[in-house]
Amino acid sequence: MRYKAMFATGLVVGFIAGTRAGRERYDQLVRLTRQAAEHPAVQKTTQAATAKATDLTRTASGKIPDLARTATGKATDFTKTATNRATGLTKTATGKATGITKTAVPKITGTAKHAAGRLPFTGKSDGGEASGEATNGTDPQASSQADGSPASYNGMRAD
């Protein structure tokens, strides 16, 4: 509504400024504008619009503090909930990691110790002697296969 009134005002001002009709046309426009403004229907509508705007302003200003309190309360609740969930997830993850560590590390350690005893060149031979000593006049790091296949060196075949 405000924009329409501004447009109409601009239209009238532009017409007045741009007209070459003279003083008579200007006086006629002023008289018609005053008649429209003083018309009872226009005044009644203006008063109703003013009263409605005032009422809406009071209603809105009364609701703003309540809305602000509600928003603050909801934000606080959300923050508490998020903090509690994050704490719970952290405790759960820590507990699971600790449980996995307690069960997996001994298994891995036992497996590694068992496998280390079977690895070639670990410093132990079948008889408990150091494998650095030459046996049968061959290279101490080379091993011959029990089935008579060619010897391997560091896991690679020495052909």
Protein backbone atom coordinates (compact mmCIF):
# COMPACT_ATOMS: atom_id res chain seq x y z
CA MET A 1 0.00 0.00 0.00
CA ARG A 2 2.84 2.33 0.89
CA TYR A 3 4.47 1.80 -2.48
CA LYS A 4 1.22 2.51 -4.34
CA ALA A 5 0.80 5.78 -2.43
CA MET A 6 4.40 6.75 -3.19
CA PHE A 7 3.85 5.89 -6.85
CA ALA A 8 0.68 7.99 -7.00
CA THR A 9 2.45 10.89 -5.27
CA GLY A 10 5.33 10.65 -7.73
CA LEU A 11 2.91 10.52 -10.60
CA VAL A 12 1.14 13.68 -9.42
CA VAL A 13 4.38 15.53 -8.78
CA GLY A 14 5.71 14.51 -12.16
CA PHE A 15 2.55 15.59 -13.86
CA ILE A 16 2.59 18.93 -12.09
CA ALA A 17 6.25 19.56 -12.79
CA GLY A 18 5.94 18.46 -16.39
CA THR A 19 2.68 20.07 -17.29
CA ARG A 20 2.40 23.21 -19.31
CA ALA A 21 -1.22 23.65 -18.43
CA GLY A 22 -0.39 26.38 -15.97
CA ARG A 23 -1.84 27.47 -12.67
CA GLU A 24 -5.40 26.41 -13.45
CA ARG A 25 -4.47 22.73 -13.85
CA TYR A 26 -2.37 22.85 -10.69
CA ASP A 27 -5.22 24.35 -8.65
CA GLN A 28 -7.57 21.70 -10.03
CA LEU A 29 -5.23 18.84 -8.95
CA VAL A 30 -4.79 20.32 -5.47
CA ARG A 31 -8.55 20.69 -5.04
CA LEU A 32 -9.20 17.08 -6.17
CA THR A 33 -6.47 15.74 -3.85
CA ARG A 34 -7.96 17.61 -0.85
CA GLN A 35 -11.43 16.36 -1.69
CA ALA A 36 -10.14 12.77 -1.84
CA ALA A 37 -8.22 13.14 1.44
CA GLU A 38 -11.22 14.71 3.22
CA HIS A 39 -13.68 12.11 1.94
CA PRO A 40 -15.17 10.15 4.88
CA ALA A 41 -14.51 6.73 3.32
CA VAL A 42 -10.82 7.56 2.79
CA GLN A 43 -10.48 8.88 6.37
CA LYS A 44 -12.24 5.82 7.78
CA THR A 45 -9.95 3.48 5.82
CA THR A 46 -6.88 5.45 6.93
CA GLN A 47 -7.91 5.26 10.59
CA ALA A 48 -8.64 1.52 10.34
CA ALA A 49 -5.27 0.87 8.70
CA THR A 50 -3.49 2.94 11.37
CA ALA A 51 -5.30 1.09 14.18
CA LYS A 52 -4.52 -2.31 12.65
CA ALA A 53 -0.84 -1.41 12.24
CA THR A 54 -0.66 -0.24 15.86
CA ASP A 55 -2.36 -3.43 17.09
CA LEU A 56 -0.01 -5.66 15.07
CA THR A 57 2.98 -3.75 16.39
CA ARG A 58 1.85 -4.26 20.00
CA THR A 59 1.18 -7.96 19.41
CA ALA A 60 4.56 -8.49 17.77
CA SER A 61 6.44 -6.59 20.46
CA GLY A 62 4.65 -8.66 23.13
CA LYS A 63 5.64 -11.96 21.46
CA ILE A 64 9.30 -11.14 20.89
CA PRO A 65 10.48 -11.68 24.50
CA ASP A 66 8.61 -15.00 24.70
CA LEU A 67 10.07 -16.17 21.41
CA ALA A 68 13.55 -15.14 22.54
CA ARG A 69 13.17 -17.09 25.81
CA THR A 70 11.87 -20.13 23.95
CA ALA A 71 14.72 -20.01 21.44
CA THR A 72 17.28 -19.62 24.22
CA GLY A 73 15.80 -22.57 26.12
CA LYS A 74 15.78 -24.78 23.05
CA ALA A 75 19.36 -23.84 22.19
CA THR A 76 20.46 -24.66 25.75
CA ASP A 77 18.65 -28.02 25.66
CA PHE A 78 20.18 -28.84 22.29
CA THR A 79 23.66 -28.00 23.56
CA LYS A 80 23.20 -30.20 26.64
CA THR A 81 21.89 -33.09 24.56
CA ALA A 82 24.74 -32.82 22.06
CA THR A 83 27.31 -32.66 24.86
CA ASN A 84 25.83 -35.72 26.60
CA ARG A 85 25.75 -37.71 23.36
CA ALA A 86 29.34 -36.78 22.51
CA THR A 87 30.49 -37.75 26.01
CA GLY A 88 28.64 -41.07 25.79
CA LEU A 89 30.10 -41.83 22.36
CA THR A 90 33.60 -41.00 23.60
CA LYS A 91 33.21 -43.32 26.60
CA THR A 92 31.82 -46.10 24.41
CA ALA A 93 34.62 -45.76 21.87
CA THR A 94 37.25 -45.69 24.61
CA GLY A 95 35.76 -48.78 26.26
CA LYS A 96 35.64 -50.69 22.99
CA ALA A 97 39.20 -49.71 22.11
CA THR A 98 40.41 -50.81 25.54
CA GLY A 99 38.56 -54.13 25.23
CA ILE A 100 39.99 -54.77 21.78
CA THR A 101 43.47 -53.91 23.00
CA LYS A 102 43.17 -56.25 25.99
CA THR A 103 42.07 -59.18 23.85
CA ALA A 104 43.96 -58.58 20.61
CA VAL A 105 47.42 -57.65 21.89
CA PRO A 106 48.07 -60.94 23.73
CA LYS A 107 46.87 -62.90 20.70
CA ILE A 108 49.08 -60.90 18.34
CA THR A 109 52.04 -61.17 20.69
CA GLY A 110 51.61 -64.94 21.06
CA THR A 111 51.26 -65.37 17.31
CA ALA A 112 54.36 -63.25 16.68
CA LYS A 113 56.43 -65.20 19.21
CA HIS A 114 55.30 -68.50 17.71
CA ALA A 115 56.06 -67.31 14.18
CA ALA A 116 59.44 -65.89 15.20
CA GLY A 117 60.56 -69.31 16.30
CA ARG A 118 59.85 -70.69 12.83
CA LEU A 119 61.52 -67.92 10.82
CA PRO A 120 64.85 -68.68 9.15
CA PHE A 121 67.88 -66.67 10.24
CA THR A 122 66.51 -65.72 13.65
CA GLY A 123 69.70 -66.59 15.39
CA LYS A 124 68.43 -70.00 16.53
CA SER A 125 68.76 -73.31 14.81
CA ASP A 126 66.89 -76.50 15.43
CA GLY A 127 69.54 -77.61 17.90
CA GLY A 128 69.60 -74.27 19.72
CA GLU A 129 72.89 -73.19 18.16
CA ALA A 130 73.48 -69.90 16.36
CA SER A 131 72.75 -70.22 12.68
CA GLY A 132 75.66 -67.98 11.83
CA GLU A 133 77.90 -71.03 11.91
CA ALA A 134 78.52 -72.81 8.64
CA THR A 135 77.08 -76.28 8.40
CA ASN A 136 78.32 -78.79 5.87
CA GLY A 137 80.67 -76.21 4.37
CA THR A 138 77.86 -74.13 2.83
CA ASP A 139 76.89 -70.51 3.17
CA PRO A 140 75.34 -70.05 6.64
CA GLN A 141 72.50 -67.94 5.23
CA ALA A 142 71.64 -70.43 2.51
CA SER A 143 69.37 -73.33 3.31
CA SER A 144 68.83 -76.52 1.42
CA GLN A 145 65.44 -78.03 1.13
CA ALA A 146 64.68 -81.35 2.76
CA ASP A 147 63.16 -82.68 -0.45
CA GLY A 148 66.37 -82.06 -2.37
CA SER A 149 65.21 -78.96 -4.24
CA PRO A 150 67.70 -76.13 -4.81
CA ALA A 151 68.76 -73.98 -1.89
CA SER A 152 67.13 -70.64 -1.24
CA TYR A 153 68.80 -67.46 -0.06
CA ASN A 154 66.70 -65.01 2.03
CA GLY A 155 63.56 -66.64 0.78
CA MET A 156 64.66 -66.46 -2.88
CA ARG A 157 65.75 -69.43 -4.93
CA ALA A 158 69.41 -69.55 -5.72
CA ASP A 159 69.42 -71.19 -9.16
